[in-house]
């Protein structure tokens, strides 16, 4: 069942329907945001490059869930917007992962030379 929210503006009042998919996306977004925040604090405290890289990929997930929630709630162009969000999410993950791997390899190489 969809959740109904009342949206009151100056000119009119209308009801918004929030689908079950959007509700699940919001719950997932909240949980992932909490895990990402706590993991970031732990990674920073532990000074762990691998955990910071994982946090950055989880941050991309948080942004992707936010965009997917927006797409789910938008009335038009849903299929096209889903494809755009998926493609941007994939590119962002590559943009976070590749520099992270290069940085980790540089740290390993530097420690190997000592």
Foldseek 3Di string as FASTA:
>chain_A
DWDWDWDDDPPDIDIATQDPVLVVLVVVLVVLVVVLVVLVVVCVVVVPLVSVLVSQLSVLVSVLSVQLSVLSRDDPPNVVSNVVSVVVSVVSNCVSPVVSVVVVVVVVVVVVVD
